[in-house]
Amino acid sequence: MAGRQARPIQPPNTFNNRRDTDNESRRIALNNAKDANRITRSQSPKSVTSVPELRNGFLTGRQMRQYEFNNQYGQPISIREDPPMRYPDDRTQPPHFNAGPSNGSLNQHYYFPEKQKTKITFI
């Protein structure tokens, strides 16, 4: 009698796997970045630093937040929050987190919607 075959065991996400996700909120995007890099969700960053924003090879004068963690294997992981961007050819990129090993490029993108500004009307 032929039985059902078990699904192959998927290896954990590695840092070389590029991962782009669209998320419903900033919080969910950060949680997904932590999950993919084996960082417990409740873990606070070891440090938070400001890094200069580069656009088209030039400094913009703005600073971005970069969070440093150690994952469950003790590897250093960086998660950087990038603002939305419009490219010269009119393409746009929403706000997102970039994640990956601290000593490498942050190739993982976790997009989230821009924060809606509340308009206050005085009567």
N, C-alpha and C. Protein backbone atom coordinates (compact mmCIF):
# COMPACT_ATOMS: atom_id res chain seq x y z
N MET A 1 0.84 -1.17 0.00
CA MET A 1 0.00 0.00 0.00
C MET A 1 0.89 1.24 0.00
N ALA A 2 0.61 2.13 -0.91
CA ALA A 2 1.43 3.34 -1.02
C ALA A 2 0.87 4.41 -0.09
N GLY A 3 1.72 4.92 0.75
CA GLY A 3 1.30 5.97 1.67
C GLY A 3 1.63 7.34 1.12
N ARG A 4 1.16 8.33 1.79
CA ARG A 4 1.47 9.70 1.37
C ARG A 4 2.92 10.00 1.70
N GLN A 5 3.54 10.73 0.81
CA GLN A 5 4.92 11.12 1.06
C GLN A 5 4.96 12.36 1.93
N ALA A 6 5.91 12.38 2.83
CA ALA A 6 6.07 13.55 3.70
C ALA A 6 6.66 14.70 2.89
N ARG A 7 6.26 15.90 3.26
CA ARG A 7 6.85 17.06 2.61
C ARG A 7 8.32 17.16 3.00
N PRO A 8 9.16 17.59 2.07
CA PRO A 8 10.58 17.74 2.44
C PRO A 8 10.73 18.83 3.50
N ILE A 9 11.66 18.62 4.38
CA ILE A 9 11.93 19.60 5.44
C ILE A 9 12.63 20.80 4.81
N GLN A 10 12.07 21.98 5.03
CA GLN A 10 12.64 23.20 4.49
C GLN A 10 13.75 23.68 5.41
N PRO A 11 14.92 23.99 4.87
CA PRO A 11 15.97 24.54 5.73
C PRO A 11 15.58 25.94 6.19
N PRO A 12 16.11 26.38 7.31
CA PRO A 12 15.79 27.74 7.75
C PRO A 12 16.28 28.77 6.74
N ASN A 13 15.65 29.91 6.74
CA ASN A 13 16.07 30.99 5.83
C ASN A 13 17.53 31.31 6.07
N THR A 14 18.27 31.46 4.99
CA THR A 14 19.66 31.85 5.13
C THR A 14 19.80 33.30 4.71
N PHE A 15 20.93 33.90 5.03
CA PHE A 15 21.11 35.32 4.74
C PHE A 15 21.28 35.57 3.25
N ASN A 16 21.68 34.55 2.50
CA ASN A 16 21.87 34.75 1.07
C ASN A 16 20.55 34.71 0.30
N ASN A 17 19.49 34.22 0.92
CA ASN A 17 18.19 34.24 0.27
C ASN A 17 17.67 35.66 0.30
N ARG A 18 17.41 36.18 -0.86
CA ARG A 18 16.83 37.52 -0.92
C ARG A 18 15.35 37.37 -0.62
N ARG A 19 14.82 38.23 0.20
CA ARG A 19 13.44 38.11 0.60
C ARG A 19 12.80 39.49 0.55
N ASP A 20 11.76 39.63 -0.27
CA ASP A 20 10.99 40.86 -0.33
C ASP A 20 9.56 40.52 0.06
N THR A 21 9.00 41.27 1.00
CA THR A 21 7.63 41.02 1.42
C THR A 21 6.88 42.33 1.51
N ASP A 22 5.58 42.27 1.23
CA ASP A 22 4.68 43.39 1.46
C ASP A 22 3.92 43.08 2.75
N ASN A 23 3.89 44.04 3.65
CA ASN A 23 3.29 43.82 4.96
C ASN A 23 2.20 44.86 5.22
N GLU A 24 1.28 44.51 6.11
CA GLU A 24 0.14 45.37 6.40
C GLU A 24 0.50 46.57 7.26
N SER A 25 1.59 46.46 8.04
CA SER A 25 1.96 47.55 8.94
C SER A 25 3.46 47.51 9.20
N ARG A 26 3.95 48.58 9.80
CA ARG A 26 5.37 48.66 10.17
C ARG A 26 5.72 47.57 11.18
N ARG A 27 4.84 47.37 12.15
CA ARG A 27 5.08 46.37 13.18
C ARG A 27 5.20 44.96 12.58
N ILE A 28 4.30 44.62 11.66
CA ILE A 28 4.34 43.31 11.04
C ILE A 28 5.61 43.15 10.20
N ALA A 29 6.01 44.22 9.50
CA ALA A 29 7.23 44.18 8.70
C ALA A 29 8.45 43.91 9.59
N LEU A 30 8.53 44.58 10.72
CA LEU A 30 9.65 44.36 11.64
C LEU A 30 9.64 42.94 12.19
N ASN A 31 8.45 42.44 12.56
CA ASN A 31 8.35 41.07 13.06
C ASN A 31 8.77 40.06 12.00
N ASN A 32 8.39 40.28 10.74
CA ASN A 32 8.79 39.37 9.67
C ASN A 32 10.30 39.40 9.43
N ALA A 33 10.90 40.58 9.55
CA ALA A 33 12.36 40.69 9.41
C ALA A 33 13.05 39.92 10.54
N LYS A 34 12.52 40.04 11.76
CA LYS A 34 13.09 39.30 12.89
C LYS A 34 12.92 37.80 12.69
N ASP A 35 11.72 37.37 12.28
CA ASP A 35 11.46 35.94 12.08
C ASP A 35 12.41 35.34 11.06
N ALA A 36 12.58 36.01 9.92
CA ALA A 36 13.41 35.48 8.84
C ALA A 36 14.88 35.36 9.25
N ASN A 37 15.30 36.17 10.20
CA ASN A 37 16.70 36.17 10.63
C ASN A 37 16.90 35.50 11.98
N ARG A 38 15.87 34.78 12.43
CA ARG A 38 15.94 34.00 13.67
C ARG A 38 16.24 34.86 14.89
N ILE A 39 15.54 36.00 14.98
CA ILE A 39 15.61 36.88 16.15
C ILE A 39 14.27 36.76 16.85
N THR A 40 14.28 36.49 18.15
CA THR A 40 13.01 36.39 18.86
C THR A 40 12.31 37.74 18.83
N ARG A 41 10.99 37.70 18.66
CA ARG A 41 10.23 38.94 18.52
C ARG A 41 10.32 39.83 19.75
N SER A 42 10.46 39.23 20.92
CA SER A 42 10.49 40.02 22.15
C SER A 42 11.85 40.65 22.42
N GLN A 43 12.86 40.29 21.63
CA GLN A 43 14.22 40.79 21.86
C GLN A 43 14.33 42.26 21.48
N SER A 44 14.90 43.03 22.38
CA SER A 44 15.20 44.44 22.09
C SER A 44 16.56 44.51 21.41
N PRO A 45 16.78 45.56 20.61
CA PRO A 45 18.08 45.67 19.94
C PRO A 45 19.22 45.89 20.93
N LYS A 46 20.41 45.37 20.57
CA LYS A 46 21.62 45.63 21.37
C LYS A 46 21.96 47.10 21.30
N SER A 47 21.76 47.67 20.10
CA SER A 47 22.03 49.10 19.93
C SER A 47 21.17 49.64 18.79
N VAL A 48 20.95 50.94 18.83
CA VAL A 48 20.25 51.65 17.76
C VAL A 48 21.15 52.80 17.35
N THR A 49 21.53 52.84 16.09
CA THR A 49 22.41 53.90 15.62
C THR A 49 21.75 54.65 14.47
N SER A 50 22.24 55.85 14.22
CA SER A 50 21.80 56.63 13.07
C SER A 50 22.85 56.49 11.98
N VAL A 51 22.40 56.15 10.78
CA VAL A 51 23.31 56.04 9.65
C VAL A 51 22.88 57.05 8.59
N PRO A 52 23.81 57.66 7.88
CA PRO A 52 23.44 58.67 6.88
C PRO A 52 22.73 58.03 5.69
N GLU A 53 21.74 58.74 5.17
CA GLU A 53 21.00 58.27 4.01
C GLU A 53 21.74 58.63 2.73
N LEU A 54 21.92 57.66 1.87
CA LEU A 54 22.54 57.87 0.56
C LEU A 54 21.46 57.71 -0.51
N ARG A 55 21.35 58.68 -1.41
CA ARG A 55 20.43 58.58 -2.55
C ARG A 55 21.21 58.88 -3.81
N ASN A 56 21.20 57.92 -4.72
CA ASN A 56 21.92 58.06 -5.99
C ASN A 56 23.39 58.41 -5.76
N GLY A 57 23.98 57.85 -4.70
CA GLY A 57 25.39 58.07 -4.42
C GLY A 57 25.72 59.34 -3.66
N PHE A 58 24.70 60.12 -3.28
CA PHE A 58 24.94 61.38 -2.57
C PHE A 58 24.27 61.35 -1.21
N LEU A 59 24.91 61.98 -0.23
CA LEU A 59 24.31 62.12 1.10
C LEU A 59 23.15 63.09 1.03
N THR A 60 22.03 62.74 1.68
CA THR A 60 20.86 63.62 1.67
C THR A 60 20.81 64.54 2.88
N GLY A 61 21.59 64.24 3.90
CA GLY A 61 21.54 65.03 5.12
C GLY A 61 20.57 64.44 6.14
N ARG A 62 19.79 63.44 5.73
CA ARG A 62 18.87 62.78 6.66
C ARG A 62 19.54 61.55 7.26
N GLN A 63 19.06 61.15 8.41
CA GLN A 63 19.58 59.98 9.11
C GLN A 63 18.53 58.87 9.12
N MET A 64 18.98 57.63 9.05
CA MET A 64 18.09 56.46 9.14
C MET A 64 18.46 55.68 10.39
N ARG A 65 17.48 54.98 10.96
CA ARG A 65 17.74 54.16 12.14
C ARG A 65 18.21 52.78 11.72
N GLN A 66 19.25 52.30 12.41
CA GLN A 66 19.71 50.94 12.20
C GLN A 66 19.75 50.22 13.54
N TYR A 67 19.08 49.07 13.59
CA TYR A 67 18.97 48.28 14.81
C TYR A 67 19.93 47.10 14.72
N GLU A 68 20.67 46.83 15.79
CA GLU A 68 21.61 45.71 15.84
C GLU A 68 21.09 44.65 16.81
N PHE A 69 21.07 43.40 16.36
CA PHE A 69 20.60 42.27 17.16
C PHE A 69 21.62 41.14 17.07
N ASN A 70 21.50 40.16 17.96
CA ASN A 70 22.14 38.85 17.80
C ASN A 70 21.01 37.86 17.65
N ASN A 71 21.10 36.98 16.63
CA ASN A 71 20.03 35.99 16.45
C ASN A 71 20.27 34.81 17.38
N GLN A 72 19.43 33.78 17.25
CA GLN A 72 19.52 32.65 18.18
C GLN A 72 20.80 31.85 18.01
N TYR A 73 21.54 32.07 16.93
CA TYR A 73 22.82 31.40 16.73
C TYR A 73 24.00 32.28 17.15
N GLY A 74 23.71 33.47 17.67
CA GLY A 74 24.75 34.39 18.11
C GLY A 74 25.31 35.25 16.99
N GLN A 75 24.74 35.16 15.79
CA GLN A 75 25.23 35.95 14.66
C GLN A 75 24.70 37.38 14.75
N PRO A 76 25.54 38.38 14.45
CA PRO A 76 25.08 39.77 14.47
C PRO A 76 24.22 40.07 13.23
N ILE A 77 23.06 40.67 13.46
CA ILE A 77 22.10 41.00 12.41
C ILE A 77 21.77 42.48 12.48
N SER A 78 21.70 43.12 11.32
CA SER A 78 21.29 44.53 11.25
C SER A 78 19.94 44.63 10.57
N ILE A 79 19.08 45.49 11.10
CA ILE A 79 17.81 45.82 10.47
C ILE A 79 17.75 47.35 10.39
N ARG A 80 17.67 47.86 9.15
CA ARG A 80 17.68 49.31 8.93
C ARG A 80 16.32 49.75 8.38
N GLU A 81 15.82 50.86 8.90
CA GLU A 81 14.54 51.41 8.45
C GLU A 81 14.80 52.47 7.38
N ASP A 82 14.31 52.22 6.17
CA ASP A 82 14.51 53.15 5.05
C ASP A 82 13.22 53.92 4.74
N PRO A 83 13.33 55.20 4.45
CA PRO A 83 12.14 56.00 4.11
C PRO A 83 11.70 55.72 2.67
N PRO A 84 10.51 56.19 2.28
CA PRO A 84 10.08 56.02 0.89
C PRO A 84 11.00 56.80 -0.05
N MET A 85 11.05 56.36 -1.31
CA MET A 85 11.95 57.01 -2.26
C MET A 85 11.33 57.07 -3.64
N ARG A 86 11.61 58.15 -4.34
CA ARG A 86 11.24 58.28 -5.75
C ARG A 86 12.53 58.36 -6.55
N TYR A 87 12.66 57.47 -7.53
CA TYR A 87 13.86 57.40 -8.37
C TYR A 87 13.73 58.37 -9.54
N PRO A 88 14.86 58.73 -10.18
CA PRO A 88 14.81 59.68 -11.30
C PRO A 88 13.93 59.21 -12.46
N ASP A 89 13.80 57.88 -12.65
CA ASP A 89 12.95 57.39 -13.75
C ASP A 89 11.49 57.24 -13.34
N ASP A 90 11.09 57.88 -12.23
CA ASP A 90 9.72 57.94 -11.71
C ASP A 90 9.25 56.66 -11.02
N ARG A 91 10.15 55.69 -10.83
CA ARG A 91 9.77 54.53 -10.02
C ARG A 91 9.75 54.98 -8.55
N THR A 92 8.94 54.31 -7.75
CA THR A 92 8.89 54.62 -6.33
C THR A 92 9.14 53.36 -5.51
N GLN A 93 9.58 53.57 -4.29
CA GLN A 93 9.79 52.48 -3.35
C GLN A 93 9.18 52.91 -2.03
N PRO A 94 8.24 52.12 -1.48
CA PRO A 94 7.62 52.50 -0.21
C PRO A 94 8.60 52.37 0.96
N PRO A 95 8.23 52.87 2.13
CA PRO A 95 9.10 52.69 3.30
C PRO A 95 9.26 51.19 3.57
N HIS A 96 10.43 50.83 4.11
CA HIS A 96 10.70 49.42 4.34
C HIS A 96 11.85 49.24 5.31
N PHE A 97 11.99 48.00 5.78
CA PHE A 97 13.14 47.58 6.56
C PHE A 97 14.05 46.78 5.65
N ASN A 98 15.35 47.02 5.72
CA ASN A 98 16.35 46.17 5.08
C ASN A 98 16.98 45.34 6.18
N ALA A 99 17.21 44.06 5.93
CA ALA A 99 17.77 43.20 6.96
C ALA A 99 18.83 42.28 6.37
N GLY A 100 19.73 41.83 7.23
CA GLY A 100 20.76 40.89 6.82
C GLY A 100 21.89 40.87 7.84
N PRO A 101 22.96 40.15 7.52
CA PRO A 101 24.08 40.08 8.46
C PRO A 101 24.73 41.45 8.62
N SER A 102 25.20 41.73 9.82
CA SER A 102 25.77 43.05 10.10
C SER A 102 27.00 43.37 9.26
N ASN A 103 27.74 42.38 8.85
CA ASN A 103 28.96 42.65 8.09
C ASN A 103 28.74 42.49 6.58
N GLY A 104 27.50 42.36 6.15
CA GLY A 104 27.21 42.18 4.72
C GLY A 104 26.17 43.17 4.24
N SER A 105 25.70 42.93 3.02
CA SER A 105 24.68 43.82 2.48
C SER A 105 23.32 43.40 3.02
N LEU A 106 22.44 44.36 3.18
CA LEU A 106 21.11 44.11 3.73
C LEU A 106 20.14 43.93 2.56
N ASN A 107 20.12 42.72 1.98
CA ASN A 107 19.36 42.46 0.77
C ASN A 107 17.90 42.10 0.98
N GLN A 108 17.49 41.89 2.21
CA GLN A 108 16.10 41.53 2.47
C GLN A 108 15.28 42.81 2.64
N HIS A 109 14.13 42.90 1.95
CA HIS A 109 13.27 44.08 2.02
C HIS A 109 11.90 43.70 2.59
N TYR A 110 11.47 44.44 3.58
CA TYR A 110 10.18 44.22 4.24
C TYR A 110 9.39 45.53 4.14
N TYR A 111 8.55 45.63 3.11
CA TYR A 111 7.82 46.87 2.83
C TYR A 111 6.61 47.01 3.74
N PHE A 112 6.26 48.26 4.04
CA PHE A 112 5.05 48.56 4.81
C PHE A 112 4.46 49.86 4.28
N PRO A 113 3.15 50.07 4.49
CA PRO A 113 2.52 51.29 3.95
C PRO A 113 3.00 52.54 4.68
N GLU A 114 2.96 53.65 3.95
CA GLU A 114 3.32 54.93 4.57
C GLU A 114 2.29 55.28 5.63
N LYS A 115 2.75 55.94 6.67
CA LYS A 115 1.86 56.37 7.73
C LYS A 115 0.93 57.46 7.19
N GLN A 116 -0.35 57.26 7.42
CA GLN A 116 -1.32 58.24 6.96
C GLN A 116 -1.32 59.43 7.92
N LYS A 117 -1.20 60.60 7.36
CA LYS A 117 -1.23 61.80 8.19
C LYS A 117 -2.68 62.17 8.48
N THR A 118 -2.96 62.38 9.74
CA THR A 118 -4.31 62.73 10.14
C THR A 118 -4.52 64.23 9.97
N LYS A 119 -5.57 64.58 9.26
CA LYS A 119 -5.87 65.99 9.06
C LYS A 119 -6.83 66.43 10.15
N ILE A 120 -6.45 67.45 10.87
CA ILE A 120 -7.28 67.97 11.96
C ILE A 120 -7.99 69.22 11.46
N THR A 121 -9.29 69.22 11.60
CA THR A 121 -10.09 70.37 11.19
C THR A 121 -10.65 71.03 12.44
N PHE A 122 -10.41 72.32 12.57
CA PHE A 122 -10.94 73.07 13.70
C PHE A 122 -12.25 73.72 13.29
N ILE A 123 -13.21 73.67 14.17
CA ILE A 123 -14.52 74.26 13.88
C ILE A 123 -14.62 75.63 14.50
